[in-house]
C-alpha cells in the first residue's frame, strides 16, 4: 500500500500524475468541489460573523469516501488541487472533512501546487510543499457567501417576475441596480442653460486660451451666467476693465518690505495677481537688468523673481 496520498481535482490528472510519482504515491481525484453550503435558509449567518454551514455534495460523496479510506492508511497527505482560490478552498474542505472524521491526526498534511503536468513540475512541487493559504480560502468563502446571500434573497424575485430556475448573481445584480439608478437620473434630468467665458490671448511665447475663473471679485461658478443677456453683460464688464500694470520686483530672502507693500496695496483696493518665476528665469532677468542685480555675495539660488500684475 502506498504511504503517500496525493489528491487532485481531475481524474485525468490523477491517472497521469500517478505514472510520474510511482508506487509510493496513491493519486485520487476529488472531482471538483467536495462540500457546499446547505441549500436552505441560514447557511450563512451574518449576525454570527458570517458563519457558514457546509455539507458534502451528494454527487461527490463516493469520491469523498474513497479519499477518506485512502487517507486512513496513508502516512502523508498531499493536497494538490488547482492553485487558484477555488482549488485552495477544495484543499481546505478536504482537510476539514478528514479532521472531522478523525483521519488527519498524526499525519503530515501538505499543500502542493503546480501549473503544468510534467514529471519535473510534479516532482518539484511534491519536494517543496507549503501550508494552506487561508487568505485564498477566505477569498473563496467570501465569494460563496455573497453568491448565497444575494442569490437566496433575489432569485425568488426572478422566479416570480421572469422565469423559474433563474439565479441572481452577486455581480450582475448590483451592476443592474447601478444601471437602473443611472437611467432614472438621466430620465429625471432637467436641462439648465449656462454660459462659460473664454478668451484667446497673446503672449510673447505664443497664444493661448484662458478660462474665466473670477467675476466681479467672486469665484465664477458654472451657473452664474444662465442666459445670453447676463453673458453679454459679463463680457462688457471684462472688456471695460482697466488694463493691468506689470511690476517687476526682486525678492531677496530676509527682506520683508515688499510683502508689506503688497499687503498695503490690497487694503487700498488694488487687485494684485502674482506669478513666481523659476530660478533660471529669475537669474536671466536679473542679468538683463542692472538695476535688479543683487549684491555680488548673494548666490543666484537665493533669488526669487516675482511678476506682479496690478489693477484698480
Protein backbone atom coordinates (compact mmCIF):
# COMPACT_ATOMS: atom_id res chain seq x y z
CA UNK A 1 0.00 0.00 0.00
CA UNK A 2 1.32 3.46 -0.94
CA UNK A 3 2.44 5.56 2.01
CA UNK A 4 1.56 8.89 0.40
CA UNK A 5 -1.85 10.09 -0.74
CA UNK A 6 -1.99 12.91 -3.30
CA UNK A 7 -5.33 14.49 -4.16
CA UNK A 8 -6.08 16.46 -7.34
CA UNK A 9 -9.37 17.70 -8.81
CA UNK A 10 -9.43 15.97 -12.19
CA UNK A 11 -9.45 12.16 -12.67
CA UNK A 12 -7.47 12.61 -15.90
CA UNK A 13 -4.74 14.44 -13.95
CA UNK A 14 -4.80 11.72 -11.30
CA UNK A 15 -4.05 8.97 -13.81
CA UNK A 16 -1.17 10.90 -15.41
CA UNK A 17 0.41 12.06 -12.15
CA UNK A 18 0.22 8.55 -10.71
CA UNK A 19 2.52 7.40 -13.53
CA UNK A 20 5.02 10.19 -12.73
CA UNK A 21 5.19 9.59 -8.96
CA UNK A 22 5.31 5.80 -8.96
CA UNK A 23 4.25 3.20 -6.44
CA UNK A 24 4.99 5.33 -3.35
CA UNK A 25 2.02 7.55 -4.16
CA UNK A 26 -1.69 6.88 -4.44
CA UNK A 27 -3.31 9.63 -6.51
CA UNK A 28 -7.06 10.28 -6.24
CA UNK A 29 -9.39 12.92 -7.69
CA UNK A 30 -11.93 14.99 -5.78
CA UNK A 31 -13.96 15.62 -8.94
CA UNK A 32 -14.15 19.32 -8.15
CA UNK A 33 -15.72 20.76 -5.00
CA UNK A 34 -16.50 18.29 -2.23
CA UNK A 35 -18.59 20.50 0.11
CA UNK A 36 -21.00 23.36 -0.37
CA UNK A 37 -23.40 25.45 1.69
CA UNK A 38 -26.54 23.72 2.89
CA UNK A 39 -29.30 24.54 0.39
CA UNK A 40 -31.62 26.15 2.91
CA UNK A 41 -32.06 29.40 4.78
CA UNK A 42 -29.46 30.16 7.43
CA UNK A 43 -26.47 28.54 5.70
CA UNK A 44 -24.70 31.91 6.04
CA UNK A 45 -25.28 33.79 9.30
CA UNK A 46 -24.27 37.48 9.02
CA UNK A 47 -25.20 38.03 12.69
CA UNK A 48 -22.67 35.41 13.78
CA UNK A 49 -19.55 36.57 11.94
CA UNK A 50 -20.89 35.20 8.65
CA UNK A 51 -20.65 31.64 9.97
CA UNK A 52 -21.15 29.15 7.13
CA UNK A 53 -22.80 25.72 7.39
CA UNK A 54 -21.41 23.17 4.91
CA UNK A 55 -22.35 19.66 3.85
CA UNK A 56 -20.80 17.15 1.47
CA UNK A 57 -22.09 17.48 -2.09
CA UNK A 58 -24.30 14.45 -2.73
CA UNK A 59 -22.92 13.59 -6.17
CA UNK A 60 -19.36 13.54 -4.79
CA UNK A 61 -19.98 11.52 -1.63
CA UNK A 62 -18.43 8.37 -3.11
CA UNK A 63 -15.29 10.27 -4.10
CA UNK A 64 -15.02 11.78 -0.62
CA UNK A 65 -15.41 8.31 0.91
CA UNK A 66 -12.64 6.97 -1.34
CA UNK A 67 -10.32 9.81 -0.25
CA UNK A 68 -11.16 9.17 3.41
CA UNK A 69 -10.48 5.43 3.04
CA UNK A 70 -7.10 6.06 1.40
CA UNK A 71 -6.20 8.76 3.98
CA UNK A 72 -6.80 6.29 6.81
CA UNK A 73 -3.83 4.14 5.77
CA UNK A 74 -1.56 6.89 4.38
CA UNK A 75 1.34 8.42 6.32
CA UNK A 76 1.35 11.73 4.42
CA UNK A 77 -1.40 13.55 2.55
CA UNK A 78 -0.62 15.95 -0.31
CA UNK A 79 -3.37 18.36 -1.32
CA UNK A 80 -2.66 19.15 -4.99
CA UNK A 81 -5.84 20.85 -6.16
CA UNK A 82 -5.67 23.82 -8.54
CA UNK A 83 -3.62 26.83 -7.50
CA UNK A 84 -6.45 29.40 -7.63
CA UNK A 85 -8.76 30.33 -4.74
CA UNK A 86 -11.28 27.64 -5.70
CA UNK A 87 -8.57 24.98 -5.65
CA UNK A 88 -7.29 26.27 -2.30
CA UNK A 89 -10.82 26.06 -0.88
CA UNK A 90 -11.22 22.48 -2.12
CA UNK A 91 -7.99 21.50 -0.35
CA UNK A 92 -9.20 23.20 2.83
CA UNK A 93 -12.57 21.42 2.67
CA UNK A 94 -10.85 18.05 2.20
CA UNK A 95 -8.59 18.73 5.18
CA UNK A 96 -11.63 19.75 7.27
CA UNK A 97 -13.54 16.58 6.31
CA UNK A 98 -10.56 14.41 7.24
CA UNK A 99 -10.13 16.30 10.52
CA UNK A 100 -13.83 15.94 11.41
CA UNK A 101 -13.63 12.20 10.71
CA UNK A 102 -10.50 11.84 12.82
CA UNK A 103 -8.35 10.78 9.87
CA UNK A 104 -5.73 13.55 9.86
CA UNK A 105 -4.40 13.27 13.41
CA UNK A 106 -0.73 12.31 13.45
CA UNK A 107 -0.42 12.59 9.69
CA UNK A 108 1.58 15.12 7.70
CA UNK A 109 -0.71 17.36 5.63
CA UNK A 110 0.98 19.18 2.72
CA UNK A 111 -0.27 21.69 0.14
CA UNK A 112 1.44 21.43 -3.25
CA UNK A 113 0.78 23.47 -6.39
CA UNK A 114 1.94 23.25 -9.99
CA UNK A 115 0.97 24.96 -13.23
CA UNK A 116 1.96 22.21 -15.68
CA UNK A 117 1.58 18.45 -15.78
CA UNK A 118 5.16 17.34 -16.41
CA UNK A 119 7.36 14.93 -14.41
CA UNK A 120 9.74 17.74 -13.44
CA UNK A 121 6.97 20.15 -12.31
CA UNK A 122 5.14 17.47 -10.31
CA UNK A 123 8.27 16.21 -8.54
CA UNK A 124 9.45 19.75 -7.74
CA UNK A 125 6.03 20.61 -6.27
CA UNK A 126 5.98 17.50 -4.08
CA UNK A 127 9.51 18.25 -2.90
CA UNK A 128 8.55 21.84 -1.95
CA UNK A 129 5.18 21.75 -0.19
CA UNK A 130 3.66 24.73 1.67
CA UNK A 131 0.86 25.40 4.12
CA UNK A 132 -2.70 26.12 3.11
CA UNK A 133 -3.24 29.79 2.24
CA UNK A 134 -6.09 30.94 4.46
CA UNK A 135 -6.18 34.26 2.57
CA UNK A 136 -7.20 32.38 -0.58
CA UNK A 137 -9.64 30.24 1.38
CA UNK A 138 -11.22 33.35 2.93
CA UNK A 139 -11.48 34.94 -0.52
CA UNK A 140 -13.34 31.92 -1.87
CA UNK A 141 -15.63 31.78 1.15
CA UNK A 142 -16.43 35.49 0.78
CA UNK A 143 -17.31 34.89 -2.87
CA UNK A 144 -19.53 31.94 -1.96
CA UNK A 145 -21.22 33.82 0.90
CA UNK A 146 -22.08 36.70 -1.43
CA UNK A 147 -23.42 34.25 -4.01
CA UNK A 148 -25.65 32.76 -1.35
CA UNK A 149 -26.82 35.97 0.31
CA UNK A 150 -27.61 37.70 -2.98
CA UNK A 151 -28.99 34.66 -4.76
CA UNK A 152 -31.09 33.35 -1.86
CA UNK A 153 -32.86 36.68 -1.47
CA UNK A 154 -33.14 37.83 -5.08
CA UNK A 155 -33.59 34.62 -7.07
CA UNK A 156 -37.18 34.10 -5.85
CA UNK A 157 -37.99 37.56 -7.22
CA UNK A 158 -36.74 36.44 -10.64
CA UNK A 159 -38.84 33.29 -10.37
CA UNK A 160 -41.97 35.34 -9.71
CA UNK A 161 -41.29 38.12 -12.21
CA UNK A 162 -39.40 36.42 -15.06
CA UNK A 163 -38.97 32.65 -15.02
CA UNK A 164 -38.36 29.89 -12.51
CA UNK A 165 -34.86 28.47 -12.31
CA UNK A 166 -33.06 31.76 -12.89
CA UNK A 167 -30.33 32.75 -10.44
CA UNK A 168 -29.45 36.29 -9.34
CA UNK A 169 -25.69 36.83 -9.42
CA UNK A 170 -23.56 38.70 -6.89
CA UNK A 171 -22.03 40.90 -9.63
CA UNK A 172 -24.85 41.27 -12.12
CA UNK A 173 -27.47 42.22 -9.52
CA UNK A 174 -25.75 45.33 -8.07
CA UNK A 175 -24.48 46.23 -11.55
CA UNK A 176 -28.06 46.12 -12.86
CA UNK A 177 -29.20 48.29 -9.97
CA UNK A 178 -26.50 50.87 -10.75
CA UNK A 179 -27.58 50.92 -14.40
CA UNK A 180 -31.24 51.36 -13.46
CA UNK A 181 -30.47 54.17 -11.00
CA UNK A 182 -28.34 55.92 -13.59
CA UNK A 183 -31.09 55.60 -16.20
CA UNK A 184 -33.57 57.08 -13.71
CA UNK A 185 -31.21 60.02 -13.14
CA UNK A 186 -30.95 60.55 -16.90
CA UNK A 187 -34.72 60.47 -17.31
CA UNK A 188 -35.20 62.91 -14.43
CA UNK A 189 -32.53 65.29 -15.71
CA UNK A 190 -33.68 68.81 -16.46
CA UNK A 191 -31.55 70.83 -18.85
CA UNK A 192 -30.24 74.13 -17.48
CA UNK A 193 -28.72 76.86 -19.58
CA UNK A 194 -25.30 78.15 -18.59
CA UNK A 195 -22.58 80.19 -20.24
CA UNK A 196 -18.83 79.90 -19.92
CA UNK A 197 -16.36 82.66 -20.74
CA UNK A 198 -13.05 82.13 -22.52
CA UNK A 199 -10.61 84.46 -24.21
CA UNK A 200 -7.95 83.93 -26.87
CA UNK A 201 -4.88 85.74 -25.52
CA UNK A 202 -1.46 86.53 -26.89
CA UNK A 203 1.90 86.04 -25.21
CA UNK A 204 5.49 86.51 -26.28
CA UNK A 205 5.93 82.72 -26.26
CA UNK A 206 2.67 82.05 -28.17
CA UNK A 207 -1.08 82.41 -27.93
CA UNK A 208 -3.29 80.52 -25.52
CA UNK A 209 -6.92 80.25 -24.42
CA UNK A 210 -7.84 81.46 -20.94
CA UNK A 211 -10.95 80.48 -18.99
CA UNK A 212 -12.71 82.91 -16.66
CA UNK A 213 -12.34 81.89 -13.01
CA UNK A 214 -13.35 85.12 -11.23
CA UNK A 215 -16.04 87.66 -12.00
CA UNK A 216 -16.57 90.90 -10.09
CA UNK A 217 -14.29 89.73 -7.30
CA UNK A 218 -16.00 86.37 -6.78
CA UNK A 219 -15.24 82.84 -7.91
CA UNK A 220 -17.01 82.13 -11.19
CA UNK A 221 -19.36 79.15 -10.81
CA UNK A 222 -20.98 77.05 -13.54
CA UNK A 223 -24.47 78.56 -13.23
CA UNK A 224 -23.52 82.18 -12.55
CA UNK A 225 -24.46 83.08 -16.13
CA UNK A 226 -27.70 81.40 -17.14
CA UNK A 227 -28.78 83.47 -20.15
CA UNK A 228 -27.33 85.37 -23.09
CA UNK A 229 -28.07 88.79 -21.62
CA UNK A 230 -26.07 88.05 -18.45
CA UNK A 231 -23.25 86.57 -20.52
CA UNK A 232 -23.05 89.69 -22.72
CA UNK A 233 -23.11 91.91 -19.62
CA UNK A 234 -20.21 89.95 -18.14
CA UNK A 235 -18.33 90.25 -21.42
CA UNK A 236 -18.76 94.04 -21.48
CA UNK A 237 -17.67 94.25 -17.86
CA UNK A 238 -14.49 92.37 -18.65
CA UNK A 239 -13.74 94.44 -21.77
CA UNK A 240 -14.25 97.69 -19.87
CA UNK A 241 -11.86 96.65 -17.11
CA UNK A 242 -8.74 98.73 -16.56
CA UNK A 243 -5.58 97.31 -18.11
CA UNK A 244 -3.19 95.51 -15.85
CA UNK A 245 0.11 97.12 -14.98
CA UNK A 246 3.17 94.92 -14.74
CA UNK A 247 5.56 95.48 -11.83
CA UNK A 248 8.88 93.72 -11.57
CA UNK A 249 10.45 93.32 -8.17
CA UNK A 250 13.41 91.38 -6.89
CA UNK A 251 12.54 89.50 -3.74
CA UNK A 252 15.58 88.82 -1.60
CA UNK A 253 15.35 86.41 1.28
CA UNK A 254 15.24 88.20 4.60
CA UNK A 255 13.76 91.43 3.13
CA UNK A 256 10.02 91.55 4.07
CA UNK A 257 9.36 95.14 2.86
CA UNK A 258 7.86 94.05 -0.48
CA UNK A 259 5.32 91.79 1.22
CA UNK A 260 4.22 94.75 3.38
CA UNK A 261 3.87 96.99 0.33
CA UNK A 262 1.72 94.41 -1.47
CA UNK A 263 -0.46 93.97 1.62
CA UNK A 264 -0.94 97.74 1.92
CA UNK A 265 -1.89 97.98 -1.77
CA UNK A 266 -4.50 95.23 -1.37
CA UNK A 267 -6.02 97.06 1.59
CA UNK A 268 -6.24 100.19 -0.56
CA UNK A 269 -8.36 98.36 -3.14
CA UNK A 270 -5.75 97.18 -5.64
CA UNK A 271 -6.27 93.81 -7.27
CA UNK A 272 -2.94 92.03 -7.44
CA UNK A 273 -2.09 88.86 -9.33
CA UNK A 274 1.35 87.34 -8.93
CA UNK A 275 3.33 84.68 -10.75
CA UNK A 276 6.58 83.26 -9.46
CA UNK A 277 9.36 82.77 -11.96
CA UNK A 278 11.82 79.88 -11.86
CA UNK A 279 15.33 80.46 -10.54
CA UNK A 280 16.78 80.09 -14.05
CA UNK A 281 14.40 82.69 -15.49
CA UNK A 282 14.99 84.94 -12.49
CA UNK A 283 18.74 84.78 -12.93
CA UNK A 284 18.39 85.60 -16.64
CA UNK A 285 16.07 88.54 -15.88
CA UNK A 286 18.43 89.84 -13.20
CA UNK A 287 21.39 89.70 -15.55
CA UNK A 288 19.42 91.61 -18.20
CA UNK A 289 18.50 94.48 -15.85
CA UNK A 290 21.40 96.02 -14.00
CA UNK A 291 19.08 97.81 -11.60
CA UNK A 292 17.86 94.47 -10.34
CA UNK A 293 21.23 92.88 -9.78
CA UNK A 294 21.71 91.69 -6.19
CA UNK A 295 24.86 92.08 -4.11
CA UNK A 296 27.73 90.02 -5.51
CA UNK A 297 27.92 87.86 -2.41
CA UNK A 298 24.30 86.68 -2.77
CA UNK A 299 24.09 83.31 -4.62
CA UNK A 300 21.71 83.16 -7.56
CA UNK A 301 19.75 80.33 -5.91
CA UNK A 302 18.81 82.79 -3.14
CA UNK A 303 16.98 84.95 -5.69
CA UNK A 304 13.30 84.66 -6.46
CA UNK A 305 11.77 86.99 -9.03
CA UNK A 306 8.03 87.55 -8.96
CA UNK A 307 5.91 89.26 -11.59
CA UNK A 308 3.07 91.33 -10.13
CA UNK A 309 0.15 92.46 -12.27
CA UNK A 310 -1.99 95.12 -10.58
CA UNK A 311 -5.17 96.97 -11.41
CA UNK A 312 -7.59 99.24 -9.57
